[in-house]
Amino acid sequence: MMQLLRKHLLAGFGWICVLLGVVGLLLPVLPTTPFLLLALAAFSSSSPDIHQRLLDNRWFGPDLRQWEEQRCISHVAKQRAMLLIVLSFALSIVMLSGRPLIQGLMVSFGGLLLLLVWRLPEPR
């Protein structure tokens, strides 16, 4: 019984992550790839068919497959992610003018994200 509940909870979490990843395609401040990686992990334990569908997806599949097999991302994907982080955080900071505390937190969080992405391994 607990195993079945766990499977359904993971599948639900996976679908929420896929939905957030799709929304991230439309909104520059919401990342796509991390949500799809979470969905991939959730579906690997709850639904092998959906897990495989994500890996076979023509847009996201190659990057997800590379992460799953080698735990790395391409240099181009890394550059693209860092550029989107800078652009989305810069836009958010400009939109929050007059709120220096929140702007400072955004700069700190954006810097942390940039550092995390920069440290991700690249394929050899």
PDB file of N, CA and C in Angstrom:
ATOM      1  N   MET A   1       0.814  -1.198   0.000  1.00  0.00           N
ATOM      2  CA  MET A   1       0.000   0.000   0.000  1.00  0.00           C
ATOM      3  C   MET A   1       0.863   1.271   0.000  1.00  0.00           C
ATOM      4  N   MET A   2       1.880   1.308   0.870  1.00  0.00           N
ATOM      5  CA  MET A   2       2.764   2.467   0.939  1.00  0.00           C
ATOM      6  C   MET A   2       3.547   2.640  -0.364  1.00  0.00           C
ATOM      7  N   GLN A   3       3.927   1.510  -0.963  1.00  0.00           N
ATOM      8  CA  GLN A   3       4.675   1.556  -2.224  1.00  0.00           C
ATOM      9  C   GLN A   3       3.827   2.181  -3.335  1.00  0.00           C
ATOM     10  N   LEU A   4       2.559   1.826  -3.364  1.00  0.00           N
ATOM     11  CA  LEU A   4       1.650   2.376  -4.374  1.00  0.00           C
ATOM     12  C   LEU A   4       1.430   3.874  -4.147  1.00  0.00           C
ATOM     13  N   LEU A   5       1.267   4.264  -2.891  1.00  0.00           N
ATOM     14  CA  LEU A   5       1.106   5.680  -2.565  1.00  0.00           C
ATOM     15  C   LEU A   5       2.354   6.465  -2.977  1.00  0.00           C
ATOM     16  N   ARG A   6       3.518   5.924  -2.672  1.00  0.00           N
ATOM     17  CA  ARG A   6       4.781   6.565  -3.047  1.00  0.00           C
ATOM     18  C   ARG A   6       4.878   6.745  -4.563  1.00  0.00           C
ATOM     19  N   LYS A   7       4.493   5.704  -5.285  1.00  0.00           N
ATOM     20  CA  LYS A   7       4.538   5.750  -6.745  1.00  0.00           C
ATOM     21  C   LYS A   7       3.623   6.848  -7.290  1.00  0.00           C
ATOM     22  N   HIS A   8       2.413   6.949  -6.736  1.00  0.00           N
ATOM     23  CA  HIS A   8       1.469   7.971  -7.201  1.00  0.00           C
ATOM     24  C   HIS A   8       1.924   9.379  -6.821  1.00  0.00           C
ATOM     25  N   LEU A   9       2.484   9.529  -5.629  1.00  0.00           N
ATOM     26  CA  LEU A   9       2.997  10.841  -5.217  1.00  0.00           C
ATOM     27  C   LEU A   9       4.162  11.279  -6.106  1.00  0.00           C
ATOM     28  N   LEU A  10       5.063  10.355  -6.417  1.00  0.00           N
ATOM     29  CA  LEU A  10       6.179  10.684  -7.301  1.00  0.00           C
ATOM     30  C   LEU A  10       5.701  11.038  -8.708  1.00  0.00           C
ATOM     31  N   ALA A  11       4.712  10.293  -9.186  1.00  0.00           N
ATOM     32  CA  ALA A  11       4.172  10.592 -10.520  1.00  0.00           C
ATOM     33  C   ALA A  11       3.506  11.965 -10.528  1.00  0.00           C
ATOM     34  N   GLY A  12       2.753  12.285  -9.484  1.00  0.00           N
ATOM     35  CA  GLY A  12       2.122  13.602  -9.387  1.00  0.00           C
ATOM     36  C   GLY A  12       3.164  14.710  -9.338  1.00  0.00           C
ATOM     37  N   PHE A  13       4.194  14.496  -8.540  1.00  0.00           N
ATOM     38  CA  PHE A  13       5.285  15.474  -8.461  1.00  0.00           C
ATOM     39  C   PHE A  13       5.958  15.623  -9.822  1.00  0.00           C
ATOM     40  N   GLY A  14       6.150  14.518 -10.525  1.00  0.00           N
ATOM     41  CA  GLY A  14       6.752  14.560 -11.864  1.00  0.00           C
ATOM     42  C   GLY A  14       5.929  15.399 -12.823  1.00  0.00           C
ATOM     43  N   TRP A  15       4.611  15.215 -12.801  1.00  0.00           N
ATOM     44  CA  TRP A  15       3.749  15.992 -13.696  1.00  0.00           C
ATOM     45  C   TRP A  15       3.743  17.473 -13.341  1.00  0.00           C
ATOM     46  N   ILE A  16       3.790  17.777 -12.045  1.00  0.00           N
ATOM     47  CA  ILE A  16       3.872  19.183 -11.630  1.00  0.00           C
ATOM     48  C   ILE A  16       5.168  19.798 -12.158  1.00  0.00           C
ATOM     49  N   CYS A  17       6.255  19.052 -12.067  1.00  0.00           N
ATOM     50  CA  CYS A  17       7.545  19.543 -12.572  1.00  0.00           C
ATOM     51  C   CYS A  17       7.523  19.725 -14.083  1.00  0.00           C
ATOM     52  N   VAL A  18       6.895  18.814 -14.800  1.00  0.00           N
ATOM     53  CA  VAL A  18       6.775  18.971 -16.262  1.00  0.00           C
ATOM     54  C   VAL A  18       5.973  20.228 -16.575  1.00  0.00           C
ATOM     55  N   LEU A  19       4.865  20.425 -15.858  1.00  0.00           N
ATOM     56  CA  LEU A  19       4.039  21.614 -16.074  1.00  0.00           C
ATOM     57  C   LEU A  19       4.841  22.891 -15.799  1.00  0.00           C
ATOM     58  N   LEU A  20       5.579  22.922 -14.698  1.00  0.00           N
ATOM     59  CA  LEU A  20       6.397  24.096 -14.386  1.00  0.00           C
ATOM     60  C   LEU A  20       7.491  24.297 -15.438  1.00  0.00           C
ATOM     61  N   GLY A  21       8.050  23.208 -15.953  1.00  0.00           N
ATOM     62  CA  GLY A  21       9.049  23.311 -17.016  1.00  0.00           C
ATOM     63  C   GLY A  21       8.469  23.909 -18.284  1.00  0.00           C
ATOM     64  N   VAL A  22       7.247  23.517 -18.627  1.00  0.00           N
ATOM     65  CA  VAL A  22       6.585  24.069 -19.811  1.00  0.00           C
ATOM     66  C   VAL A  22       6.273  25.549 -19.593  1.00  0.00           C
ATOM     67  N   VAL A  23       5.811  25.903 -18.398  1.00  0.00           N
ATOM     68  CA  VAL A  23       5.560  27.311 -18.093  1.00  0.00           C
ATOM     69  C   VAL A  23       6.874  28.093 -18.179  1.00  0.00           C
ATOM     70  N   GLY A  24       7.972  27.458 -17.787  1.00  0.00           N
ATOM     71  CA  GLY A  24       9.280  28.091 -17.863  1.00  0.00           C
ATOM     72  C   GLY A  24       9.716  28.415 -19.282  1.00  0.00           C
ATOM     73  N   LEU A  25       9.151  27.717 -20.247  1.00  0.00           N
ATOM     74  CA  LEU A  25       9.436  28.054 -21.647  1.00  0.00           C
ATOM     75  C   LEU A  25       8.853  29.407 -22.015  1.00  0.00           C
ATOM     76  N   LEU A  26       7.754  29.755 -21.366  1.00  0.00           N
ATOM     77  CA  LEU A  26       7.051  30.986 -21.692  1.00  0.00           C
ATOM     78  C   LEU A  26       7.458  32.165 -20.814  1.00  0.00           C
ATOM     79  N   LEU A  27       7.889  31.876 -19.587  1.00  0.00           N
ATOM     80  CA  LEU A  27       8.269  32.934 -18.655  1.00  0.00           C
ATOM     81  C   LEU A  27       9.772  32.926 -18.440  1.00  0.00           C
ATOM     82  N   PRO A  28      10.425  34.032 -18.724  1.00  0.00           N
ATOM     83  CA  PRO A  28      11.888  34.042 -18.620  1.00  0.00           C
ATOM     84  C   PRO A  28      12.416  33.889 -17.194  1.00  0.00           C
ATOM     85  N   VAL A  29      11.607  34.164 -16.176  1.00  0.00           N
ATOM     86  CA  VAL A  29      12.108  34.076 -14.804  1.00  0.00           C
ATOM     87  C   VAL A  29      11.969  32.675 -14.218  1.00  0.00           C
ATOM     88  N   LEU A  30      11.316  31.777 -14.919  1.00  0.00           N
ATOM     89  CA  LEU A  30      11.127  30.415 -14.418  1.00  0.00           C
ATOM     90  C   LEU A  30      11.981  29.459 -15.252  1.00  0.00           C
ATOM     91  N   PRO A  31      12.914  28.753 -14.632  1.00  0.00           N
ATOM     92  CA  PRO A  31      13.791  27.865 -15.406  1.00  0.00           C
ATOM     93  C   PRO A  31      13.055  26.610 -15.867  1.00  0.00           C
ATOM     94  N   THR A  32      13.468  26.085 -16.985  1.00  0.00           N
ATOM     95  CA  THR A  32      12.845  24.879 -17.532  1.00  0.00           C
ATOM     96  C   THR A  32      13.612  23.621 -17.153  1.00  0.00           C
ATOM     97  N   THR A  33      14.897  23.617 -17.393  1.00  0.00           N
ATOM     98  CA  THR A  33      15.702  22.411 -17.239  1.00  0.00           C
ATOM     99  C   THR A  33      15.678  21.808 -15.836  1.00  0.00           C
ATOM    100  N   PRO A  34      15.826  22.602 -14.766  1.00  0.00           N
ATOM    101  CA  PRO A  34      15.794  21.972 -13.437  1.00  0.00           C
ATOM    102  C   PRO A  34      14.489  21.235 -13.157  1.00  0.00           C
ATOM    103  N   PHE A  35      13.379  21.810 -13.607  1.00  0.00           N
ATOM    104  CA  PHE A  35      12.100  21.138 -13.388  1.00  0.00           C
ATOM    105  C   PHE A  35      12.010  19.846 -14.193  1.00  0.00           C
ATOM    106  N   LEU A  36      12.547  19.857 -15.399  1.00  0.00           N
ATOM    107  CA  LEU A  36      12.522  18.634 -16.199  1.00  0.00           C
ATOM    108  C   LEU A  36      13.459  17.575 -15.621  1.00  0.00           C
ATOM    109  N   LEU A  37      14.574  17.995 -15.040  1.00  0.00           N
ATOM    110  CA  LEU A  37      15.462  17.033 -14.377  1.00  0.00           C
ATOM    111  C   LEU A  37      14.782  16.422 -13.158  1.00  0.00           C
ATOM    112  N   LEU A  38      14.047  17.236 -12.398  1.00  0.00           N
ATOM    113  CA  LEU A  38      13.293  16.704 -11.260  1.00  0.00           C
ATOM    114  C   LEU A  38      12.211  15.740 -11.738  1.00  0.00           C
ATOM    115  N   ALA A  39      11.527  16.104 -12.823  1.00  0.00           N
ATOM    116  CA  ALA A  39      10.499  15.227 -13.379  1.00  0.00           C
ATOM    117  C   ALA A  39      11.114  13.904 -13.825  1.00  0.00           C
ATOM    118  N   LEU A  40      12.266  13.976 -14.463  1.00  0.00           N
ATOM    119  CA  LEU A  40      12.957  12.767 -14.920  1.00  0.00           C
ATOM    120  C   LEU A  40      13.259  11.843 -13.745  1.00  0.00           C
ATOM    121  N   ALA A  41      13.759  12.429 -12.647  1.00  0.00           N
ATOM    122  CA  ALA A  41      14.060  11.629 -11.457  1.00  0.00           C
ATOM    123  C   ALA A  41      12.795  11.034 -10.853  1.00  0.00           C
ATOM    124  N   ALA A  42      11.736  11.820 -10.791  1.00  0.00           N
ATOM    125  CA  ALA A  42      10.477  11.324 -10.213  1.00  0.00           C
ATOM    126  C   ALA A  42       9.898  10.189 -11.058  1.00  0.00           C
ATOM    127  N   PHE A  43       9.923  10.344 -12.371  1.00  0.00           N
ATOM    128  CA  PHE A  43       9.356   9.319 -13.245  1.00  0.00           C
ATOM    129  C   PHE A  43      10.235   8.069 -13.323  1.00  0.00           C
ATOM    130  N   SER A  44      11.519   8.202 -13.030  1.00  0.00           N
ATOM    131  CA  SER A  44      12.371   7.013 -13.059  1.00  0.00           C
ATOM    132  C   SER A  44      11.949   6.021 -11.974  1.00  0.00           C
ATOM    133  N   SER A  45      11.359   6.527 -10.904  1.00  0.00           N
ATOM    134  CA  SER A  45      10.902   5.658  -9.820  1.00  0.00           C
ATOM    135  C   SER A  45       9.412   5.349  -9.880  1.00  0.00           C
ATOM    136  N   SER A  46       8.663   6.112 -10.664  1.00  0.00           N
ATOM    137  CA  SER A  46       7.211   5.920 -10.647  1.00  0.00           C
ATOM    138  C   SER A  46       6.614   5.478 -11.976  1.00  0.00           C
ATOM    139  N   SER A  47       7.211   5.874 -13.086  1.00  0.00           N
ATOM    140  CA  SER A  47       6.641   5.553 -14.390  1.00  0.00           C
ATOM    141  C   SER A  47       7.741   5.449 -15.445  1.00  0.00           C
ATOM    142  N   PRO A  48       8.279   4.251 -15.640  1.00  0.00           N
ATOM    143  CA  PRO A  48       9.344   4.080 -16.642  1.00  0.00           C
ATOM    144  C   PRO A  48       8.937   4.526 -18.053  1.00  0.00           C
ATOM    145  N   ASP A  49       7.656   4.397 -18.388  1.00  0.00           N
ATOM    146  CA  ASP A  49       7.205   4.810 -19.722  1.00  0.00           C
ATOM    147  C   ASP A  49       7.325   6.322 -19.914  1.00  0.00           C
ATOM    148  N   ILE A  50       6.876   7.084 -18.932  1.00  0.00           N
ATOM    149  CA  ILE A  50       6.952   8.539 -19.046  1.00  0.00           C
ATOM    150  C   ILE A  50       8.413   8.992 -18.953  1.00  0.00           C
ATOM    151  N   HIS A  51       9.178   8.318 -18.123  1.00  0.00           N
ATOM    152  CA  HIS A  51      10.615   8.603 -18.024  1.00  0.00           C
ATOM    153  C   HIS A  51      11.262   8.466 -19.401  1.00  0.00           C
ATOM    154  N   GLN A  52      10.945   7.405 -20.104  1.00  0.00           N
ATOM    155  CA  GLN A  52      11.497   7.184 -21.434  1.00  0.00           C
ATOM    156  C   GLN A  52      10.986   8.216 -22.426  1.00  0.00           C
ATOM    157  N   ARG A  53       9.730   8.626 -22.300  1.00  0.00           N
ATOM    158  CA  ARG A  53       9.189   9.657 -23.188  1.00  0.00           C
ATOM    159  C   ARG A  53       9.954  10.971 -23.050  1.00  0.00           C
ATOM    160  N   LEU A  54      10.306  11.318 -21.809  1.00  0.00           N
ATOM    161  CA  LEU A  54      11.103  12.534 -21.608  1.00  0.00           C
ATOM    162  C   LEU A  54      12.466  12.394 -22.271  1.00  0.00           C
ATOM    163  N   LEU A  55      13.078  11.233 -22.122  1.00  0.00           N
ATOM    164  CA  LEU A  55      14.385  11.006 -22.735  1.00  0.00           C
ATOM    165  C   LEU A  55      14.320  11.016 -24.256  1.00  0.00           C
ATOM    166  N   ASP A  56      13.183  10.622 -24.810  1.00  0.00           N
ATOM    167  CA  ASP A  56      13.008  10.562 -26.262  1.00  0.00           C
ATOM    168  C   ASP A  56      12.501  11.868 -26.865  1.00  0.00           C
ATOM    169  N   ASN A  57      12.164  12.844 -26.028  1.00  0.00           N
ATOM    170  CA  ASN A  57      11.643  14.112 -26.514  1.00  0.00           C
ATOM    171  C   ASN A  57      12.661  14.777 -27.429  1.00  0.00           C
ATOM    172  N   ARG A  58      12.219  15.284 -28.565  1.00  0.00           N
ATOM    173  CA  ARG A  58      13.167  15.829 -29.540  1.00  0.00           C
ATOM    174  C   ARG A  58      13.789  17.145 -29.094  1.00  0.00           C
ATOM    175  N   TRP A  59      13.128  17.895 -28.212  1.00  0.00           N
ATOM    176  CA  TRP A  59      13.696  19.173 -27.764  1.00  0.00           C
ATOM    177  C   TRP A  59      14.557  19.020 -26.505  1.00  0.00           C
ATOM    178  N   PHE A  60      14.041  18.302 -25.525  1.00  0.00           N
ATOM    179  CA  PHE A  60      14.737  18.196 -24.243  1.00  0.00           C
ATOM    180  C   PHE A  60      15.491  16.892 -24.068  1.00  0.00           C
ATOM    181  N   GLY A  61      15.134  15.902 -24.835  1.00  0.00           N
ATOM    182  CA  GLY A  61      15.698  14.569 -24.667  1.00  0.00           C
ATOM    183  C   GLY A  61      17.212  14.485 -24.659  1.00  0.00           C
ATOM    184  N   PRO A  62      17.900  15.090 -25.641  1.00  0.00           N
ATOM    185  CA  PRO A  62      19.362  14.967 -25.654  1.00  0.00           C
ATOM    186  C   PRO A  62      20.030  15.516 -24.384  1.00  0.00           C
ATOM    187  N   ASP A  63      19.578  16.680 -23.919  1.00  0.00           N
ATOM    188  CA  ASP A  63      20.166  17.240 -22.698  1.00  0.00           C
ATOM    189  C   ASP A  63      19.840  16.389 -21.475  1.00  0.00           C
ATOM    190  N   LEU A  64      18.593  15.915 -21.398  1.00  0.00           N
ATOM    191  CA  LEU A  64      18.208  15.069 -20.263  1.00  0.00           C
ATOM    192  C   LEU A  64      18.968  13.746 -20.279  1.00  0.00           C
ATOM    193  N   ARG A  65      19.132  13.173 -21.459  1.00  0.00           N
ATOM    194  CA  ARG A  65      19.865  11.916 -21.590  1.00  0.00           C
ATOM    195  C   ARG A  65      21.330  12.100 -21.189  1.00  0.00           C
ATOM    196  N   GLN A  66      21.915  13.214 -21.634  1.00  0.00           N
ATOM    197  CA  GLN A  66      23.311  13.485 -21.289  1.00  0.00           C
ATOM    198  C   GLN A  66      23.456  13.633 -19.766  1.00  0.00           C
ATOM    199  N   TRP A  67      22.523  14.322 -19.130  1.00  0.00           N
ATOM    200  CA  TRP A  67      22.592  14.481 -17.677  1.00  0.00           C
ATOM    201  C   TRP A  67      22.450  13.128 -16.986  1.00  0.00           C
ATOM    202  N   GLU A  68      21.496  12.320 -17.456  1.00  0.00           N
ATOM    203  CA  GLU A  68      21.253  11.029 -16.811  1.00  0.00           C
ATOM    204  C   GLU A  68      22.429  10.065 -16.986  1.00  0.00           C
ATOM    205  N   GLU A  69      23.049  10.088 -18.142  1.00  0.00           N
ATOM    206  CA  GLU A  69      24.138   9.146 -18.419  1.00  0.00           C
ATOM    207  C   GLU A  69      25.491   9.618 -17.883  1.00  0.00           C
ATOM    208  N   GLN A  70      25.765  10.918 -17.978  1.00  0.00           N
ATOM    209  CA  GLN A  70      27.105  11.406 -17.657  1.00  0.00           C
ATOM    210  C   GLN A  70      27.140  12.429 -16.526  1.00  0.00           C
ATOM    211  N   ARG A  71      25.980  12.870 -16.047  1.00  0.00           N
ATOM    212  CA  ARG A  71      25.886  13.902 -15.009  1.00  0.00           C
ATOM    213  C   ARG A  71      26.662  15.169 -15.403  1.00  0.00           C
ATOM    214  N   CYS A  72      26.449  15.610 -16.655  1.00  0.00           N
ATOM    215  CA  CYS A  72      27.101  16.823 -17.138  1.00  0.00           C
ATOM    216  C   CYS A  72      26.175  17.505 -18.149  1.00  0.00           C
ATOM    217  N   ILE A  73      26.490  18.791 -18.441  1.00  0.00           N
ATOM    218  CA  ILE A  73      25.748  19.522 -19.458  1.00  0.00           C
ATOM    219  C   ILE A  73      26.736  20.125 -20.447  1.00  0.00           C
ATOM    220  N   SER A  74      26.293  20.331 -21.655  1.00  0.00           N
ATOM    221  CA  SER A  74      27.188  20.866 -22.688  1.00  0.00           C
ATOM    222  C   SER A  74      27.559  22.312 -22.376  1.00  0.00           C
ATOM    223  N   HIS A  75      28.671  22.729 -22.935  1.00  0.00           N
ATOM    224  CA  HIS A  75      29.139  24.100 -22.740  1.00  0.00           C
ATOM    225  C   HIS A  75      28.114  25.102 -23.270  1.00  0.00           C
ATOM    226  N   VAL A  76      27.506  24.785 -24.397  1.00  0.00           N
ATOM    227  CA  VAL A  76      26.502  25.680 -24.998  1.00  0.00           C
ATOM    228  C   VAL A  76      25.284  25.800 -24.084  1.00  0.00           C
ATOM    229  N   ALA A  77      24.820  24.676 -23.536  1.00  0.00           N
ATOM    230  CA  ALA A  77      23.669  24.711 -22.630  1.00  0.00           C
ATOM    231  C   ALA A  77      24.000  25.512 -21.376  1.00  0.00           C
ATOM    232  N   LYS A  78      25.216  25.369 -20.919  1.00  0.00           N
ATOM    233  CA  LYS A  78      25.670  26.113 -19.744  1.00  0.00           C
ATOM    234  C   LYS A  78      25.670  27.622 -20.027  1.00  0.00           C
ATOM    235  N   GLN A  79      26.201  28.013 -21.174  1.00  0.00           N
ATOM    236  CA  GLN A  79      26.228  29.434 -21.548  1.00  0.00           C
ATOM    237  C   GLN A  79      24.814  29.982 -21.687  1.00  0.00           C
ATOM    238  N   ARG A  80      23.947  29.203 -22.316  1.00  0.00           N
ATOM    239  CA  ARG A  80      22.561  29.624 -22.512  1.00  0.00           C
ATOM    240  C   ARG A  80      21.864  29.809 -21.162  1.00  0.00           C
ATOM    241  N   ALA A  81      22.074  28.876 -20.252  1.00  0.00           N
ATOM    242  CA  ALA A  81      21.462  28.971 -18.929  1.00  0.00           C
ATOM    243  C   ALA A  81      21.958  30.205 -18.181  1.00  0.00           C
ATOM    244  N   MET A  82      23.255  30.447 -18.255  1.00  0.00           N
ATOM    245  CA  MET A  82      23.817  31.601 -17.552  1.00  0.00           C
ATOM    246  C   MET A  82      23.311  32.914 -18.154  1.00  0.00           C
ATOM    247  N   LEU A  83      23.192  32.979 -19.463  1.00  0.00           N
ATOM    248  CA  LEU A  83      22.664  34.176 -20.110  1.00  0.00           C
ATOM    249  C   LEU A  83      21.220  34.420 -19.680  1.00  0.00           C
ATOM    250  N   LEU A  84      20.404  33.370 -19.659  1.00  0.00           N
ATOM    251  CA  LEU A  84      19.012  33.520 -19.247  1.00  0.00           C
ATOM    252  C   LEU A  84      18.896  33.929 -17.781  1.00  0.00           C
ATOM    253  N   ILE A  85      19.780  33.425 -16.946  1.00  0.00           N
ATOM    254  CA  ILE A  85      19.779  33.828 -15.535  1.00  0.00           C
ATOM    255  C   ILE A  85      20.069  35.323 -15.434  1.00  0.00           C
ATOM    256  N   VAL A  86      21.110  35.774 -16.128  1.00  0.00           N
ATOM    257  CA  VAL A  86      21.472  37.192 -16.072  1.00  0.00           C
ATOM    258  C   VAL A  86      20.324  38.054 -16.591  1.00  0.00           C
ATOM    259  N   LEU A  87      19.757  37.702 -17.741  1.00  0.00           N
ATOM    260  CA  LEU A  87      18.682  38.510 -18.323  1.00  0.00           C
ATOM    261  C   LEU A  87      17.442  38.536 -17.443  1.00  0.00           C
ATOM    262  N   SER A  88      17.022  37.370 -16.958  1.00  0.00           N
ATOM    263  CA  SER A  88      15.792  37.330 -16.166  1.00  0.00           C
ATOM    264  C   SER A  88      15.968  38.027 -14.825  1.00  0.00           C
ATOM    265  N   PHE A  89      17.124  37.867 -14.192  1.00  0.00           N
ATOM    266  CA  PHE A  89      17.335  38.538 -12.911  1.00  0.00           C
ATOM    267  C   PHE A  89      17.504  40.041 -13.112  1.00  0.00           C
ATOM    268  N   ALA A  90      18.175  40.450 -14.184  1.00  0.00           N
ATOM    269  CA  ALA A  90      18.316  41.881 -14.454  1.00  0.00           C
ATOM    270  C   ALA A  90      16.945  42.519 -14.672  1.00  0.00           C
ATOM    271  N   LEU A  91      16.091  41.861 -15.438  1.00  0.00           N
ATOM    272  CA  LEU A  91      14.738  42.368 -15.666  1.00  0.00           C
ATOM    273  C   LEU A  91      13.960  42.451 -14.353  1.00  0.00           C
ATOM    274  N   SER A  92      14.077  41.416 -13.536  1.00  0.00           N
ATOM    275  CA  SER A  92      13.372  41.414 -12.247  1.00  0.00           C
ATOM    276  C   SER A  92      13.877  42.531 -11.342  1.00  0.00           C
ATOM    277  N   ILE A  93      15.177  42.733 -11.328  1.00  0.00           N
ATOM    278  CA  ILE A  93      15.761  43.772 -10.470  1.00  0.00           C
ATOM    279  C   ILE A  93      15.310  45.156 -10.922  1.00  0.00           C
ATOM    280  N   VAL A  94      15.272  45.381 -12.233  1.00  0.00           N
ATOM    281  CA  VAL A  94      14.804  46.667 -12.754  1.00  0.00           C
ATOM    282  C   VAL A  94      13.330  46.872 -12.404  1.00  0.00           C
ATOM    283  N   MET A  95      12.537  45.833 -12.508  1.00  0.00           N
ATOM    284  CA  MET A  95      11.112  45.937 -12.203  1.00  0.00           C
ATOM    285  C   MET A  95      10.865  46.171 -10.707  1.00  0.00           C
ATOM    286  N   LEU A  96      11.815  45.825  -9.875  1.00  0.00           N
ATOM    287  CA  LEU A  96      11.668  46.006  -8.439  1.00  0.00           C
ATOM    288  C   LEU A  96      12.353  47.270  -7.942  1.00  0.00           C
ATOM    289  N   SER A  97      12.500  48.254  -8.809  1.00  0.00           N
ATOM    290  CA  SER A  97      13.179  49.497  -8.403  1.00  0.00           C
ATOM    291  C   SER A  97      12.446  50.114  -7.218  1.00  0.00           C
ATOM    292  N   GLY A  98      13.228  50.679  -6.316  1.00  0.00           N
ATOM    293  CA  GLY A  98      12.652  51.264  -5.116  1.00  0.00           C
ATOM    294  C   GLY A  98      12.553  50.289  -3.956  1.00  0.00           C
ATOM    295  N   ARG A  99      12.990  49.068  -4.169  1.00  0.00           N
ATOM    296  CA  ARG A  99      12.977  48.049  -3.108  1.00  0.00           C
ATOM    297  C   ARG A  99      14.389  47.472  -2.982  1.00  0.00           C
ATOM    298  N   PRO A 100      15.302  48.226  -2.376  1.00  0.00           N
ATOM    299  CA  PRO A 100      16.714  47.820  -2.362  1.00  0.00           C
ATOM    300  C   PRO A 100      16.978  46.494  -1.648  1.00  0.00           C
ATOM    301  N   LEU A 101      16.216  46.176  -0.627  1.00  0.00           N
ATOM    302  CA  LEU A 101      16.433  44.910   0.077  1.00  0.00           C
ATOM    303  C   LEU A 101      16.120  43.729  -0.843  1.00  0.00           C
ATOM    304  N   ILE A 102      14.993  43.809  -1.516  1.00  0.00           N
ATOM    305  CA  ILE A 102      14.611  42.722  -2.437  1.00  0.00           C
ATOM    306  C   ILE A 102      15.574  42.664  -3.613  1.00  0.00           C
ATOM    307  N   GLN A 103      15.988  43.824  -4.108  1.00  0.00           N
ATOM    308  CA  GLN A 103      16.961  43.851  -5.205  1.00  0.00           C
ATOM    309  C   GLN A 103      18.277  43.202  -4.775  1.00  0.00           C
ATOM    310  N   GLY A 104      18.712  43.495  -3.579  1.00  0.00           N
ATOM    311  CA  GLY A 104      19.944  42.881  -3.062  1.00  0.00           C
ATOM    312  C   GLY A 104      19.820  41.374  -2.940  1.00  0.00           C
ATOM    313  N   LEU A 105      18.659  40.919  -2.476  1.00  0.00           N
ATOM    314  CA  LEU A 105      18.427  39.472  -2.391  1.00  0.00           C
ATOM    315  C   LEU A 105      18.431  38.835  -3.777  1.00  0.00           C
ATOM    316  N   MET A 106      17.836  39.542  -4.744  1.00  0.00           N
ATOM    317  CA  MET A 106      17.814  39.025  -6.116  1.00  0.00           C
ATOM    318  C   MET A 106      19.230  38.936  -6.686  1.00  0.00           C
ATOM    319  N   VAL A 107      20.049  39.951  -6.441  1.00  0.00           N
ATOM    320  CA  VAL A 107      21.436  39.931  -6.922  1.00  0.00           C
ATOM    321  C   VAL A 107      22.176  38.755  -6.286  1.00  0.00           C
ATOM    322  N   SER A 108      21.977  38.556  -4.974  1.00  0.00           N
ATOM    323  CA  SER A 108      22.645  37.454  -4.272  1.00  0.00           C
ATOM    324  C   SER A 108      22.192  36.101  -4.808  1.00  0.00           C
ATOM    325  N   PHE A 109      20.884  35.934  -4.965  1.00  0.00           N
ATOM    326  CA  PHE A 109      20.353  34.659  -5.451  1.00  0.00           C
ATOM    327  C   PHE A 109      20.796  34.405  -6.892  1.00  0.00           C
ATOM    328  N   GLY A 110      20.754  35.436  -7.727  1.00  0.00           N
ATOM    329  CA  GLY A 110      21.215  35.291  -9.113  1.00  0.00           C
ATOM    330  C   GLY A 110      22.685  34.912  -9.175  1.00  0.00           C
ATOM    331  N   GLY A 111      23.498  35.558  -8.334  1.00  0.00           N
ATOM    332  CA  GLY A 111      24.924  35.213  -8.282  1.00  0.00           C
ATOM    333  C   GLY A 111      25.149  33.778  -7.858  1.00  0.00           C
ATOM    334  N   LEU A 112      24.365  33.322  -6.884  1.00  0.00           N
ATOM    335  CA  LEU A 112      24.466  31.938  -6.431  1.00  0.00           C
ATOM    336  C   LEU A 112      24.086  30.970  -7.557  1.00  0.00           C
ATOM    337  N   LEU A 113      23.020  31.281  -8.262  1.00  0.00           N
ATOM    338  CA  LEU A 113      22.626  30.434  -9.399  1.00  0.00           C
ATOM    339  C   LEU A 113      23.704  30.389 -10.477  1.00  0.00           C
ATOM    340  N   LEU A 114      24.276  31.548 -10.776  1.00  0.00           N
ATOM    341  CA  LEU A 114      25.350  31.580 -11.772  1.00  0.00           C
ATOM    342  C   LEU A 114      26.525  30.714 -11.335  1.00  0.00           C
ATOM    343  N   LEU A 115      26.874  30.794 -10.073  1.00  0.00           N
ATOM    344  CA  LEU A 115      27.977  29.985  -9.549  1.00  0.00           C
ATOM    345  C   LEU A 115      27.660  28.496  -9.653  1.00  0.00           C
ATOM    346  N   LEU A 116      26.431  28.123  -9.312  1.00  0.00           N
ATOM    347  CA  LEU A 116      26.047  26.711  -9.386  1.00  0.00           C
ATOM    348  C   LEU A 116      26.093  26.188 -10.821  1.00  0.00           C
ATOM    349  N   VAL A 117      25.578  26.971 -11.757  1.00  0.00           N
ATOM    350  CA  VAL A 117      25.589  26.542 -13.157  1.00  0.00           C
ATOM    351  C   VAL A 117      27.023  26.478 -13.675  1.00  0.00           C
ATOM    352  N   TRP A 118      27.831  27.473 -13.331  1.00  0.00           N
ATOM    353  CA  TRP A 118      29.224  27.507 -13.779  1.00  0.00           C
ATOM    354  C   TRP A 118      29.992  26.284 -13.304  1.00  0.00           C
ATOM    355  N   ARG A 119      29.654  25.780 -12.114  1.00  0.00           N
ATOM    356  CA  ARG A 119      30.371  24.643 -11.542  1.00  0.00           C
ATOM    357  C   ARG A 119      29.895  23.283 -12.075  1.00  0.00           C
ATOM    358  N   LEU A 120      28.798  23.256 -12.812  1.00  0.00           N
ATOM    359  CA  LEU A 120      28.332  21.980 -13.361  1.00  0.00           C
ATOM    360  C   LEU A 120      29.380  21.419 -14.321  1.00  0.00           C
ATOM    361  N   PRO A 121      29.614  20.119 -14.251  1.00  0.00           N
ATOM    362  CA  PRO A 121      30.615  19.534 -15.139  1.00  0.00           C
ATOM    363  C   PRO A 121      30.174  19.541 -16.602  1.00  0.00           C
ATOM    364  N   GLU A 122      31.154  19.654 -17.485  1.00  0.00           N
ATOM    365  CA  GLU A 122      30.912  19.594 -18.932  1.00  0.00           C
ATOM    366  C   GLU A 122      31.487  18.269 -19.446  1.00  0.00           C
ATOM    367  N   PRO A 123      30.957  17.784 -20.572  1.00  0.00           N
ATOM    368  CA  PRO A 123      31.527  16.537 -21.124  1.00  0.00           C
ATOM    369  C   PRO A 123      32.970  16.740 -21.568  1.00  0.00           C
ATOM    370  N   ARG A 124      33.734  15.701 -21.488  1.00  0.00           N
ATOM    371  CA  ARG A 124      35.149  15.780 -21.870  1.00  0.00           C
ATOM    372  C   ARG A 124      35.319  15.701 -23.370  1.00  0.00           C
TER     373      ARG A 124
END
